[in-house]
N, C-alpha and C. Protein backbone atom coordinates (compact mmCIF):
# COMPACT_ATOMS: atom_id res chain seq x y z
N UNK A 1 -16.36 -17.34 25.34
CA UNK A 1 -16.12 -16.43 26.33
C UNK A 1 -14.62 -16.67 26.74
N UNK A 2 -14.27 -17.96 26.80
CA UNK A 2 -12.86 -18.21 27.15
C UNK A 2 -11.84 -17.66 26.11
N UNK A 3 -12.22 -17.86 24.83
CA UNK A 3 -11.36 -17.29 23.81
C UNK A 3 -11.28 -15.75 23.86
N UNK A 4 -12.38 -15.11 24.14
CA UNK A 4 -12.51 -13.61 24.05
C UNK A 4 -11.63 -13.25 25.15
N UNK A 5 -11.63 -13.91 26.39
CA UNK A 5 -10.79 -13.58 27.49
C UNK A 5 -9.33 -13.63 27.16
N UNK A 6 -8.95 -14.71 26.52
CA UNK A 6 -7.54 -14.98 26.17
C UNK A 6 -7.09 -13.91 25.17
N UNK A 7 -7.84 -13.60 24.20
CA UNK A 7 -7.44 -12.59 23.16
C UNK A 7 -7.33 -11.22 23.75
N UNK A 8 -8.35 -10.98 24.56
CA UNK A 8 -8.32 -9.55 25.24
C UNK A 8 -7.07 -9.45 26.28
N UNK A 9 -6.79 -10.59 26.88
CA UNK A 9 -5.54 -10.49 27.75
C UNK A 9 -4.35 -10.33 26.94
N UNK A 10 -4.15 -11.07 25.84
CA UNK A 10 -2.95 -10.91 24.89
C UNK A 10 -2.84 -9.54 24.42
N UNK A 11 -3.96 -8.94 24.18
CA UNK A 11 -3.82 -7.55 23.57
C UNK A 11 -4.01 -6.50 24.51
N UNK A 12 -4.19 -6.92 25.77
CA UNK A 12 -4.26 -5.91 26.96
C UNK A 12 -5.41 -5.00 26.73
N UNK A 13 -6.64 -5.53 26.45
CA UNK A 13 -7.74 -4.60 26.25
C UNK A 13 -8.91 -5.02 27.13
N UNK A 14 -8.65 -5.85 28.24
CA UNK A 14 -9.83 -6.30 28.94
C UNK A 14 -10.76 -5.25 29.45
N UNK A 15 -10.07 -4.08 29.82
CA UNK A 15 -10.90 -2.95 30.44
C UNK A 15 -11.67 -2.24 29.44
N UNK A 16 -11.48 -2.56 28.13
CA UNK A 16 -12.10 -1.75 27.06
C UNK A 16 -13.38 -2.62 26.42
N UNK A 17 -13.57 -3.81 26.88
CA UNK A 17 -14.59 -4.71 26.20
C UNK A 17 -15.98 -4.14 26.31
N UNK A 18 -16.38 -3.32 27.34
CA UNK A 18 -17.56 -2.72 27.40
C UNK A 18 -17.67 -1.30 26.89
N UNK A 19 -16.54 -0.88 26.27
CA UNK A 19 -16.49 0.63 25.79
C UNK A 19 -17.01 0.63 24.43
N UNK A 20 -17.86 1.64 24.12
CA UNK A 20 -18.41 1.78 22.59
C UNK A 20 -17.23 2.03 21.75
N UNK A 21 -17.38 1.43 20.49
CA UNK A 21 -16.36 1.53 19.48
C UNK A 21 -15.93 2.98 19.22
N UNK A 22 -16.89 3.81 19.08
CA UNK A 22 -16.70 5.27 18.67
C UNK A 22 -15.88 5.99 19.65
N UNK A 23 -15.81 5.37 20.95
CA UNK A 23 -15.11 6.00 22.06
C UNK A 23 -13.48 5.47 22.06
N UNK A 24 -13.31 4.55 21.17
CA UNK A 24 -11.90 3.94 21.15
C UNK A 24 -10.97 4.70 20.22
N UNK A 25 -9.70 4.62 20.47
CA UNK A 25 -8.72 5.20 19.65
C UNK A 25 -8.49 4.19 18.36
N UNK A 26 -7.79 4.76 17.46
CA UNK A 26 -7.52 3.80 16.23
C UNK A 26 -6.87 2.55 16.57
N UNK A 27 -5.90 2.58 17.32
CA UNK A 27 -5.17 1.45 17.73
C UNK A 27 -6.11 0.41 18.62
N UNK A 28 -6.91 0.96 19.42
CA UNK A 28 -7.75 0.15 20.21
C UNK A 28 -8.85 -0.43 19.34
N UNK A 29 -9.35 0.27 18.38
CA UNK A 29 -10.36 -0.27 17.45
C UNK A 29 -9.80 -1.48 16.62
N UNK A 30 -8.60 -1.22 16.13
CA UNK A 30 -7.86 -2.25 15.33
C UNK A 30 -7.72 -3.55 16.24
N UNK A 31 -7.39 -3.46 17.35
CA UNK A 31 -7.26 -4.56 18.39
C UNK A 31 -8.63 -5.32 18.53
N UNK A 32 -9.75 -4.48 18.66
CA UNK A 32 -11.06 -5.05 18.77
C UNK A 32 -11.39 -5.86 17.48
N UNK A 33 -11.09 -5.21 16.35
CA UNK A 33 -11.38 -5.92 14.99
C UNK A 33 -10.57 -7.19 14.97
N UNK A 34 -9.36 -7.17 15.26
CA UNK A 34 -8.53 -8.38 15.34
C UNK A 34 -9.22 -9.48 16.23
N UNK A 35 -9.69 -9.05 17.36
CA UNK A 35 -10.31 -10.02 18.20
C UNK A 35 -11.46 -10.73 17.53
N UNK A 36 -12.18 -9.89 16.92
CA UNK A 36 -13.45 -10.33 16.23
C UNK A 36 -13.07 -11.31 15.05
N UNK A 37 -11.99 -11.08 14.40
CA UNK A 37 -11.55 -11.91 13.30
C UNK A 37 -10.98 -13.22 13.80
N UNK A 38 -10.41 -13.21 14.97
CA UNK A 38 -9.77 -14.40 15.46
C UNK A 38 -10.51 -15.09 16.56
N UNK A 39 -11.75 -14.62 16.90
CA UNK A 39 -12.47 -15.27 17.80
C UNK A 39 -12.82 -16.72 17.70
N UNK A 40 -12.92 -17.09 16.38
CA UNK A 40 -13.31 -18.50 16.13
C UNK A 40 -12.14 -19.34 15.79
N UNK A 41 -11.03 -18.86 16.11
CA UNK A 41 -9.57 -19.53 15.94
C UNK A 41 -9.44 -19.97 14.46
N UNK A 42 -9.50 -19.16 13.46
CA UNK A 42 -9.34 -19.56 12.09
C UNK A 42 -7.91 -20.19 11.79
N UNK A 43 -7.85 -20.93 10.86
CA UNK A 43 -6.53 -21.58 10.57
C UNK A 43 -5.61 -20.74 9.56
N UNK A 44 -6.34 -19.83 8.86
CA UNK A 44 -5.58 -18.89 7.92
C UNK A 44 -6.12 -17.46 8.16
N UNK A 45 -5.25 -16.55 8.38
CA UNK A 45 -5.62 -15.07 8.78
C UNK A 45 -4.96 -14.19 7.66
N UNK A 46 -5.72 -13.38 7.05
CA UNK A 46 -5.23 -12.40 6.10
C UNK A 46 -5.30 -11.00 6.62
N UNK A 47 -4.12 -10.37 6.81
CA UNK A 47 -4.07 -9.02 7.30
C UNK A 47 -3.53 -7.93 6.30
N UNK A 48 -4.20 -6.86 6.20
CA UNK A 48 -3.74 -5.85 5.21
C UNK A 48 -3.20 -4.71 5.95
N UNK A 49 -1.84 -4.46 5.92
CA UNK A 49 -1.26 -3.36 6.60
C UNK A 49 -1.79 -3.32 8.05
N UNK A 50 -1.50 -4.32 8.80
CA UNK A 50 -2.04 -4.39 10.22
C UNK A 50 -1.52 -3.27 11.17
N UNK A 51 -0.39 -2.71 10.91
CA UNK A 51 0.03 -1.69 11.89
C UNK A 51 -0.03 -0.20 11.35
N UNK A 52 -0.73 -0.08 10.20
CA UNK A 52 -0.82 1.25 9.64
C UNK A 52 -1.51 2.17 10.58
N UNK A 53 -1.08 3.43 10.76
CA UNK A 53 -1.74 4.37 11.65
C UNK A 53 -1.53 4.08 13.05
N UNK A 54 -0.80 3.11 13.47
CA UNK A 54 -0.57 2.89 14.88
C UNK A 54 0.71 3.48 15.38
N UNK A 55 0.79 3.97 16.62
CA UNK A 55 1.90 4.46 17.14
C UNK A 55 2.92 3.33 17.51
N UNK A 56 4.17 3.77 17.77
CA UNK A 56 5.26 2.70 17.95
C UNK A 56 4.89 1.67 18.83
N UNK A 57 4.47 2.12 20.07
CA UNK A 57 4.06 1.17 21.08
C UNK A 57 3.03 0.18 20.75
N UNK A 58 1.97 0.71 20.25
CA UNK A 58 0.79 -0.09 19.80
C UNK A 58 1.20 -1.13 18.73
N UNK A 59 1.99 -0.61 17.77
CA UNK A 59 2.49 -1.58 16.66
C UNK A 59 3.33 -2.65 17.16
N UNK A 60 4.08 -2.36 18.22
CA UNK A 60 4.92 -3.35 18.66
C UNK A 60 4.14 -4.43 19.59
N UNK A 61 3.09 -3.99 20.31
CA UNK A 61 2.26 -4.91 20.98
C UNK A 61 1.48 -5.82 19.99
N UNK A 62 1.04 -5.20 18.93
CA UNK A 62 0.33 -5.99 17.94
C UNK A 62 1.25 -7.04 17.29
N UNK A 63 2.44 -6.70 17.01
CA UNK A 63 3.34 -7.67 16.43
C UNK A 63 3.64 -8.80 17.40
N UNK A 64 3.77 -8.40 18.65
CA UNK A 64 4.02 -9.41 19.73
C UNK A 64 2.81 -10.44 19.89
N UNK A 65 1.60 -9.78 19.76
CA UNK A 65 0.42 -10.63 19.77
C UNK A 65 0.37 -11.61 18.66
N UNK A 66 0.62 -11.15 17.43
CA UNK A 66 0.51 -12.00 16.23
C UNK A 66 1.62 -13.12 16.34
N UNK A 67 2.75 -12.85 16.84
CA UNK A 67 3.80 -13.90 17.04
C UNK A 67 3.37 -14.96 17.94
N UNK A 68 2.71 -14.45 19.08
CA UNK A 68 2.28 -15.50 20.06
C UNK A 68 1.08 -16.29 19.60
N UNK A 69 0.17 -15.67 18.80
CA UNK A 69 -1.01 -16.32 18.24
C UNK A 69 -0.49 -17.35 17.21
N UNK A 70 0.41 -16.95 16.31
CA UNK A 70 1.00 -17.94 15.31
C UNK A 70 1.57 -19.03 15.97
N UNK A 71 2.40 -18.89 16.91
CA UNK A 71 3.22 -19.93 17.65
C UNK A 71 2.19 -20.82 18.36
N UNK A 72 1.23 -20.27 19.01
CA UNK A 72 0.29 -21.02 19.97
C UNK A 72 -0.74 -21.78 19.24
N UNK A 73 -1.37 -21.18 18.12
CA UNK A 73 -2.33 -21.79 17.43
C UNK A 73 -1.95 -22.34 16.11
N UNK A 74 -0.68 -22.27 15.70
CA UNK A 74 -0.18 -22.75 14.47
C UNK A 74 -1.01 -22.27 13.36
N UNK A 75 -1.62 -21.09 13.31
CA UNK A 75 -2.31 -20.54 12.25
C UNK A 75 -1.34 -19.91 11.20
N UNK A 76 -1.86 -19.97 9.91
CA UNK A 76 -1.04 -19.31 8.93
C UNK A 76 -1.51 -17.92 8.90
N UNK A 77 -0.48 -17.07 8.84
CA UNK A 77 -0.83 -15.54 8.77
C UNK A 77 -0.25 -14.97 7.54
N UNK A 78 -1.02 -14.53 6.66
CA UNK A 78 -0.61 -13.80 5.40
C UNK A 78 -0.88 -12.29 5.50
N UNK A 79 0.21 -11.61 5.48
CA UNK A 79 -0.08 -10.11 5.56
C UNK A 79 0.56 -9.33 4.58
N UNK A 80 0.11 -8.22 4.15
CA UNK A 80 0.67 -7.21 3.28
C UNK A 80 1.13 -6.02 3.96
N UNK A 81 2.19 -5.49 3.76
CA UNK A 81 2.69 -4.34 4.43
C UNK A 81 3.77 -3.74 3.82
N UNK A 82 3.89 -2.37 3.92
CA UNK A 82 4.99 -1.58 3.41
C UNK A 82 6.02 -1.22 4.65
N UNK A 83 5.52 -1.68 5.75
CA UNK A 83 6.38 -1.45 7.08
C UNK A 83 7.40 -2.65 7.13
N UNK A 84 8.67 -2.29 7.01
CA UNK A 84 9.74 -3.30 7.04
C UNK A 84 9.89 -3.99 8.41
N UNK A 85 9.43 -3.29 9.44
CA UNK A 85 9.48 -3.82 10.73
C UNK A 85 8.48 -4.99 10.86
N UNK A 86 7.27 -4.88 10.27
CA UNK A 86 6.42 -5.99 10.18
C UNK A 86 6.97 -7.12 9.62
N UNK A 87 7.65 -7.13 8.54
CA UNK A 87 8.19 -8.12 7.71
C UNK A 87 9.24 -8.72 8.54
N UNK A 88 10.33 -7.91 8.97
CA UNK A 88 11.49 -8.54 9.61
C UNK A 88 11.09 -9.19 10.95
N UNK A 89 10.09 -8.80 11.82
CA UNK A 89 9.78 -9.22 12.94
C UNK A 89 8.64 -10.45 12.85
N UNK A 90 7.96 -10.53 11.86
CA UNK A 90 6.86 -11.39 11.78
C UNK A 90 7.03 -12.59 10.79
N UNK A 91 7.67 -12.25 9.73
CA UNK A 91 7.58 -13.19 8.45
C UNK A 91 8.73 -14.09 8.46
N UNK A 92 8.30 -15.42 8.16
CA UNK A 92 9.23 -16.54 7.79
C UNK A 92 9.44 -16.61 6.43
N UNK A 93 8.54 -15.97 5.60
CA UNK A 93 8.58 -16.18 4.07
C UNK A 93 8.11 -14.88 3.54
N UNK A 94 8.76 -14.32 2.51
CA UNK A 94 8.55 -13.06 1.96
C UNK A 94 8.16 -13.31 0.43
N UNK A 95 7.20 -12.63 -0.12
CA UNK A 95 6.86 -12.57 -1.51
C UNK A 95 6.93 -11.12 -1.89
N UNK A 96 7.73 -10.70 -3.01
CA UNK A 96 7.70 -9.40 -3.43
C UNK A 96 7.18 -9.25 -4.77
N UNK A 97 6.16 -8.44 -5.03
CA UNK A 97 5.52 -8.22 -6.29
C UNK A 97 5.87 -6.89 -6.81
N UNK A 98 5.99 -6.92 -8.12
CA UNK A 98 6.24 -5.68 -8.93
C UNK A 98 5.41 -5.76 -10.13
N UNK A 99 4.47 -4.74 -10.23
CA UNK A 99 3.51 -4.62 -11.42
C UNK A 99 2.90 -6.00 -11.62
N UNK A 100 2.49 -6.77 -10.68
CA UNK A 100 1.76 -7.94 -10.94
C UNK A 100 2.64 -9.18 -11.05
N UNK A 101 3.93 -8.96 -11.04
CA UNK A 101 4.86 -10.18 -11.19
C UNK A 101 5.62 -10.42 -9.95
N UNK A 102 5.74 -11.66 -9.53
CA UNK A 102 6.51 -12.02 -8.35
C UNK A 102 8.10 -12.03 -8.73
N UNK A 103 8.69 -11.20 -7.99
CA UNK A 103 10.22 -11.05 -8.33
C UNK A 103 11.00 -11.74 -7.18
N UNK A 104 10.41 -12.03 -6.09
CA UNK A 104 11.05 -12.74 -4.99
C UNK A 104 10.13 -13.57 -4.25
N UNK A 105 10.61 -14.71 -3.89
CA UNK A 105 9.78 -15.59 -3.00
C UNK A 105 10.88 -16.44 -2.15
N UNK A 106 10.93 -16.16 -0.92
CA UNK A 106 11.84 -16.90 -0.08
C UNK A 106 11.90 -16.34 1.34
N UNK A 107 12.79 -16.68 2.12
CA UNK A 107 13.00 -16.21 3.48
C UNK A 107 13.65 -14.86 3.59
N UNK A 108 13.32 -14.05 4.47
CA UNK A 108 13.99 -12.76 4.72
C UNK A 108 15.48 -12.85 4.74
N UNK A 109 15.97 -13.85 5.42
CA UNK A 109 17.46 -14.04 5.51
C UNK A 109 18.13 -14.17 4.14
N UNK A 110 17.34 -14.76 3.18
CA UNK A 110 17.90 -14.94 1.92
C UNK A 110 18.08 -13.51 1.24
N UNK A 111 17.28 -12.57 1.54
CA UNK A 111 17.43 -11.27 0.93
C UNK A 111 18.66 -10.59 1.48
N UNK A 112 19.02 -10.80 2.65
CA UNK A 112 20.17 -10.21 3.29
C UNK A 112 21.48 -10.88 2.97
N UNK A 113 22.25 -10.42 2.08
CA UNK A 113 23.43 -11.09 1.77
C UNK A 113 24.43 -11.15 2.95
N UNK A 114 24.92 -12.24 3.29
CA UNK A 114 25.74 -12.41 4.41
C UNK A 114 26.99 -11.62 4.37
N UNK A 115 27.28 -10.83 5.35
CA UNK A 115 28.63 -10.04 5.48
C UNK A 115 28.61 -8.79 4.81
N UNK A 116 27.44 -8.48 4.10
CA UNK A 116 27.48 -7.16 3.29
C UNK A 116 27.08 -6.05 4.21
N UNK A 117 27.57 -4.84 3.86
CA UNK A 117 27.36 -3.70 4.70
C UNK A 117 27.47 -2.44 3.79
N UNK A 118 27.10 -1.32 4.26
CA UNK A 118 27.10 -0.08 3.57
C UNK A 118 28.18 0.86 4.14
N UNK A 119 29.09 1.34 3.45
CA UNK A 119 30.09 2.37 3.90
C UNK A 119 29.57 3.76 3.60
N UNK A 120 29.30 4.56 4.52
CA UNK A 120 28.80 5.94 4.37
C UNK A 120 30.04 6.91 4.57
N UNK A 121 30.29 7.74 3.47
CA UNK A 121 31.38 8.65 3.60
C UNK A 121 30.98 10.05 3.07
N UNK A 122 31.68 11.12 3.52
CA UNK A 122 31.51 12.42 3.02
C UNK A 122 33.08 12.95 2.79
N UNK A 123 33.30 13.25 1.54
CA UNK A 123 34.65 13.73 1.12
C UNK A 123 34.83 15.14 1.00
N UNK A 124 36.02 15.63 1.32
CA UNK A 124 36.35 17.04 1.13
C UNK A 124 36.15 17.60 -0.28
N UNK A 125 36.57 16.76 -1.26
CA UNK A 125 36.46 16.95 -2.65
C UNK A 125 35.13 16.48 -3.15
N UNK A 126 34.59 17.21 -4.17
CA UNK A 126 33.43 16.83 -4.85
C UNK A 126 33.77 15.65 -5.92
N UNK A 127 33.15 14.57 -5.77
CA UNK A 127 33.52 13.49 -6.65
C UNK A 127 32.24 12.66 -7.25
N UNK A 128 32.34 12.34 -8.56
CA UNK A 128 31.19 11.69 -9.06
C UNK A 128 31.23 10.12 -8.60
N UNK A 129 30.14 9.51 -8.51
CA UNK A 129 30.09 8.20 -8.04
C UNK A 129 30.92 7.22 -8.81
N UNK A 130 31.01 7.39 -10.19
CA UNK A 130 31.88 6.57 -10.99
C UNK A 130 33.44 6.74 -10.63
N UNK A 131 33.77 8.00 -10.26
CA UNK A 131 35.15 8.24 -10.01
C UNK A 131 35.43 7.63 -8.63
N UNK A 132 34.63 7.67 -7.65
CA UNK A 132 34.88 7.11 -6.41
C UNK A 132 34.87 5.59 -6.51
N UNK A 133 33.92 5.02 -7.42
CA UNK A 133 34.09 3.59 -7.59
C UNK A 133 35.28 3.15 -8.14
N UNK A 134 35.93 3.80 -9.13
CA UNK A 134 37.13 3.48 -9.64
C UNK A 134 38.28 3.52 -8.64
N UNK A 135 38.21 4.56 -7.73
CA UNK A 135 39.31 4.69 -6.73
C UNK A 135 39.08 3.58 -5.70
N UNK A 136 37.92 3.24 -5.25
CA UNK A 136 37.63 2.24 -4.19
C UNK A 136 37.74 0.82 -4.79
N UNK A 137 37.78 0.71 -6.09
CA UNK A 137 37.94 -0.68 -6.65
C UNK A 137 36.65 -1.50 -6.54
N UNK A 138 35.52 -0.77 -6.76
CA UNK A 138 34.18 -1.40 -6.65
C UNK A 138 33.37 -1.19 -7.94
N UNK A 139 32.37 -1.92 -8.21
CA UNK A 139 31.57 -1.61 -9.38
C UNK A 139 30.83 -0.36 -9.25
N UNK A 140 30.69 0.39 -10.34
CA UNK A 140 30.03 1.73 -10.23
C UNK A 140 28.60 1.68 -9.75
N UNK A 141 27.87 0.54 -9.86
CA UNK A 141 26.59 0.41 -9.40
C UNK A 141 26.51 0.33 -7.80
N UNK A 142 27.70 0.00 -7.27
CA UNK A 142 27.75 -0.11 -5.72
C UNK A 142 27.86 1.20 -5.08
N UNK A 143 27.92 2.34 -5.83
CA UNK A 143 28.14 3.64 -5.28
C UNK A 143 26.87 4.52 -5.55
N UNK A 144 26.20 5.06 -4.58
CA UNK A 144 25.15 5.91 -4.73
C UNK A 144 25.44 7.25 -4.07
N UNK A 145 24.60 8.28 -4.43
CA UNK A 145 24.67 9.68 -3.81
C UNK A 145 23.45 9.88 -3.00
N UNK A 146 23.86 10.28 -1.75
CA UNK A 146 22.78 10.76 -0.76
C UNK A 146 22.39 12.19 -0.85
N UNK A 147 21.53 12.67 -0.07
CA UNK A 147 21.18 14.02 -0.17
C UNK A 147 22.22 14.88 0.52
N UNK A 148 22.37 16.11 0.04
CA UNK A 148 23.27 17.02 0.69
C UNK A 148 22.67 17.78 1.76
N UNK A 149 23.19 17.64 3.03
CA UNK A 149 22.47 18.41 4.19
C UNK A 149 22.70 19.74 4.07
N UNK A 150 21.77 20.60 4.69
CA UNK A 150 21.89 22.06 4.63
C UNK A 150 23.17 22.46 5.21
N UNK A 151 23.80 23.41 4.51
CA UNK A 151 25.16 23.95 5.12
C UNK A 151 26.37 23.23 4.70
N UNK A 152 26.17 21.98 4.05
CA UNK A 152 27.38 21.12 3.57
C UNK A 152 27.50 21.39 2.14
N UNK A 153 28.82 21.41 1.72
CA UNK A 153 29.10 21.72 0.30
C UNK A 153 29.10 20.36 -0.45
N UNK A 154 29.35 19.21 0.09
CA UNK A 154 29.50 17.97 -0.58
C UNK A 154 28.49 17.01 -0.14
N UNK A 155 27.87 16.07 -0.93
CA UNK A 155 26.85 15.18 -0.48
C UNK A 155 27.55 13.96 0.16
N UNK A 156 26.76 13.11 0.87
CA UNK A 156 27.09 11.85 1.34
C UNK A 156 27.07 10.81 0.32
N UNK A 157 28.13 9.97 0.27
CA UNK A 157 28.19 8.91 -0.70
C UNK A 157 28.17 7.57 -0.02
N UNK A 158 27.46 6.69 -0.63
CA UNK A 158 27.24 5.25 -0.02
C UNK A 158 27.98 4.25 -0.84
N UNK A 159 28.61 3.29 -0.31
CA UNK A 159 29.40 2.27 -0.99
C UNK A 159 28.82 0.89 -0.42
N UNK A 160 28.21 0.17 -1.31
CA UNK A 160 27.84 -1.17 -1.03
C UNK A 160 29.07 -2.07 -1.01
N UNK A 161 29.51 -2.77 0.00
CA UNK A 161 30.63 -3.59 0.03
C UNK A 161 30.37 -4.73 1.13
N UNK A 162 31.43 -5.48 1.49
CA UNK A 162 31.35 -6.36 2.58
C UNK A 162 32.39 -6.16 3.62
N UNK A 163 32.03 -6.57 4.82
CA UNK A 163 32.85 -6.28 6.03
C UNK A 163 34.36 -6.53 5.83
N UNK A 164 34.65 -7.61 5.04
CA UNK A 164 36.09 -7.90 4.80
C UNK A 164 36.79 -7.01 3.95
N UNK A 165 36.08 -6.12 3.19
CA UNK A 165 36.70 -5.22 2.21
C UNK A 165 36.72 -3.82 2.65
N UNK A 166 36.04 -3.58 3.84
CA UNK A 166 35.90 -2.17 4.34
C UNK A 166 37.27 -1.39 4.49
N UNK A 167 38.14 -2.11 5.10
CA UNK A 167 39.52 -1.52 5.32
C UNK A 167 40.32 -1.31 4.02
N UNK A 168 40.27 -2.15 3.08
CA UNK A 168 40.88 -2.00 1.81
C UNK A 168 40.29 -0.83 1.06
N UNK A 169 38.99 -0.77 1.01
CA UNK A 169 38.24 0.34 0.35
C UNK A 169 38.54 1.71 0.95
N UNK A 170 38.56 1.84 2.28
CA UNK A 170 38.94 3.01 2.92
C UNK A 170 40.35 3.44 2.64
N UNK A 171 41.34 2.60 2.73
CA UNK A 171 42.61 2.86 2.39
C UNK A 171 42.89 3.47 0.99
N UNK A 172 42.19 2.80 0.07
CA UNK A 172 42.18 3.28 -1.32
C UNK A 172 41.70 4.76 -1.52
N UNK A 173 40.61 4.94 -0.82
CA UNK A 173 39.86 6.25 -0.86
C UNK A 173 40.87 7.33 -0.20
N UNK A 174 41.35 7.04 0.92
CA UNK A 174 42.23 7.95 1.72
C UNK A 174 43.49 8.35 1.04
N UNK A 175 43.94 7.39 0.14
CA UNK A 175 45.23 7.60 -0.73
C UNK A 175 44.95 8.74 -1.76
N UNK A 176 43.64 8.94 -2.15
CA UNK A 176 43.33 9.83 -3.21
C UNK A 176 42.59 10.94 -2.82
N UNK A 177 41.97 10.96 -1.62
CA UNK A 177 40.90 12.00 -1.27
C UNK A 177 41.01 12.11 0.39
N UNK A 178 40.40 13.16 0.84
CA UNK A 178 40.29 13.37 2.21
C UNK A 178 38.90 13.13 2.77
N UNK A 179 38.78 12.18 3.74
CA UNK A 179 37.45 11.86 4.29
C UNK A 179 37.08 12.78 5.45
N UNK A 180 35.93 13.49 5.28
CA UNK A 180 35.48 14.39 6.39
C UNK A 180 34.57 13.64 7.38
N UNK A 181 34.01 12.65 6.86
CA UNK A 181 33.04 12.02 7.87
C UNK A 181 32.73 10.57 7.20
N UNK A 182 32.58 9.62 8.25
CA UNK A 182 32.37 8.07 7.58
C UNK A 182 31.54 7.25 8.75
N UNK A 183 31.00 6.30 8.25
CA UNK A 183 30.35 5.41 9.07
C UNK A 183 30.01 4.06 8.35
N UNK A 184 29.89 3.01 9.12
CA UNK A 184 29.52 1.70 8.53
C UNK A 184 28.08 1.23 8.99
N UNK A 185 27.23 1.05 8.11
CA UNK A 185 25.86 0.68 8.40
C UNK A 185 25.59 -0.82 7.97
N UNK A 186 24.88 -1.44 8.85
CA UNK A 186 24.45 -2.82 8.59
C UNK A 186 23.30 -2.73 7.42
N UNK A 187 23.23 -3.82 6.67
CA UNK A 187 22.14 -3.94 5.69
C UNK A 187 20.79 -3.82 6.39
N UNK A 188 19.87 -3.10 5.66
CA UNK A 188 18.52 -3.12 6.09
C UNK A 188 17.59 -3.67 5.07
N UNK A 189 16.55 -4.34 5.54
CA UNK A 189 15.64 -4.96 4.63
C UNK A 189 15.02 -3.99 3.69
N UNK A 190 14.85 -2.74 4.18
CA UNK A 190 14.29 -1.78 3.23
C UNK A 190 15.20 -1.39 2.06
N UNK A 191 16.44 -1.29 2.37
CA UNK A 191 17.46 -0.94 1.34
C UNK A 191 17.57 -2.09 0.30
N UNK A 192 17.48 -3.32 0.78
CA UNK A 192 17.56 -4.48 -0.05
C UNK A 192 16.46 -4.60 -0.90
N UNK A 193 15.22 -4.42 -0.39
CA UNK A 193 14.05 -4.49 -1.17
C UNK A 193 13.99 -3.29 -2.37
N UNK A 194 14.43 -2.12 -1.85
CA UNK A 194 14.61 -1.09 -2.83
C UNK A 194 15.47 -1.38 -3.91
N UNK A 195 16.59 -2.06 -3.63
CA UNK A 195 17.41 -2.48 -4.71
C UNK A 195 16.84 -3.46 -5.64
N UNK A 196 16.15 -4.39 -5.13
CA UNK A 196 15.51 -5.38 -5.88
C UNK A 196 14.51 -4.79 -6.82
N UNK A 197 13.64 -3.75 -6.29
CA UNK A 197 12.79 -3.05 -7.16
C UNK A 197 13.46 -2.22 -8.32
N UNK A 198 14.56 -1.59 -7.92
CA UNK A 198 15.28 -0.78 -8.94
C UNK A 198 15.90 -1.71 -9.95
N UNK A 199 16.32 -2.96 -9.58
CA UNK A 199 16.87 -3.83 -10.64
C UNK A 199 15.84 -4.39 -11.38
N UNK A 200 14.64 -4.65 -10.91
CA UNK A 200 13.58 -5.25 -11.68
C UNK A 200 13.51 -6.70 -11.69
N UNK A 201 14.34 -7.33 -11.06
CA UNK A 201 14.40 -8.84 -11.00
C UNK A 201 14.83 -9.24 -9.60
N UNK A 202 14.38 -10.41 -9.31
CA UNK A 202 14.83 -10.97 -8.02
C UNK A 202 15.24 -12.44 -8.05
N UNK A 203 15.71 -12.86 -6.89
CA UNK A 203 16.22 -14.14 -6.84
C UNK A 203 15.09 -15.18 -6.24
N UNK A 204 14.58 -16.19 -7.01
CA UNK A 204 13.41 -16.88 -6.53
C UNK A 204 13.99 -18.13 -5.83
N UNK A 205 13.60 -18.24 -4.53
CA UNK A 205 14.03 -19.40 -3.74
C UNK A 205 12.96 -20.48 -3.85
């Protein structure tokens, strides 16, 4: 009963403990199932897509609960997820599988190359990725084409670079073309993992 009270309090469902399961929302049912799984304080917990189908607030509360449970009980939590927020906020170790082969095993911070960023630009002139790469002085693989928004004649181009090189890259481009719009974006775990999958290999830590 003590454990039930603690878990119900952490998940903020004390008022729902006497409610029939069929009357609960998806998020509330998942919380109850989690309580049932953790009631006996297991040392290892396996979770498959724990936040799937949850709204933003419910997913955030569930992540907060898992962090507290992990820190308080020192339990090992192994989860599978396509939600990058789950990985970034919960995981100290990441394993990436592709067609049954492990292509990465290490910390999330290892995936994010220090100092790297993505330069987002839209040019007045239509330009192929390899042409822009040559002008910017970067590898052709570093330039990708985004979708063309409705009403726009030219697509958005993305250049993978690092913060120290942004000014040099922009100066090189402005010397040969006219920039209509630009922005600098921090690396996202989602984009990094997508790149690892497209390359087909990973760095094993």
